C-alpha cells in the first residue's frame, strides 16, 4: 500500500559564507554582480541613484574627518558575519587601519551605515536584526525619504534587535558609541533637502 502521509516540505538550503566566496573564486559570481549574502540567501543590491550616491559620499567624508586615524572607514565593502551573511554595507567603520584588511574582510564593525531610499524596508527589517545579532554596537540608517538618521544602539544578540532606537534630525550631532569623542552632525550626512515619496 502507498504511503499517503503528506510530505513535509524541506527547508530551503541556506548558503554559507564559505560556499558564497567559493562561487566568487570559481567565477560564478563577479564583482560586477551587485549581490550580497544575507542570512544564507544571495540578494540583489538596489542600484544606486544620485541622492544615494551623494549620501554615501557625504557619510564617508564626514566619518573620515571625525575619526582621522582612529579607525578605518570602508565604503561598500564586504563585512563577513558567519555563518550565513556577507553584506556590503554602504559604509562601515572598523577597528584598525585599511592595511589590517589586506588579506581578509573584517568580521565585525564599530559602526555600520546604510543609506536608504528604496531599500528602507530591507535596511530596517533584514539588516538591523542581522547587525544586532552579530553584536555590532551601532547601526545608522540615513533615511533619504524623511531626511533623518535612524540611530540604533545596544544590540541584543539573542533577540536580534537593538534596544536603543532613536531618530536624529538636522541640527543634531551623533557621537559614535565606540569613539564618543568622534561625532558627526546629521546635516553632514544628508544631501540638501529631504526627499519625500
Foldseek 3Di string as FASTA:
>chain_A
DDDPPDDDDDDDDFAWPVVVVVCDVVVVDDPVQQWWWFQRDIDHDDDDDVQQVVLLVLVQVQQCVLCPQQWEKDAQAWADAPTTTTGRARIFTAGHYPVVPPPHHHNAGQEGEHEDDPCVCCCPPGVQLVNLLSVRAWYWYCDLQVQWIWIFGCRDNVVSHGPDIDIGHAVDWAARPVGRSRIGGSVSNGDPDGHHD
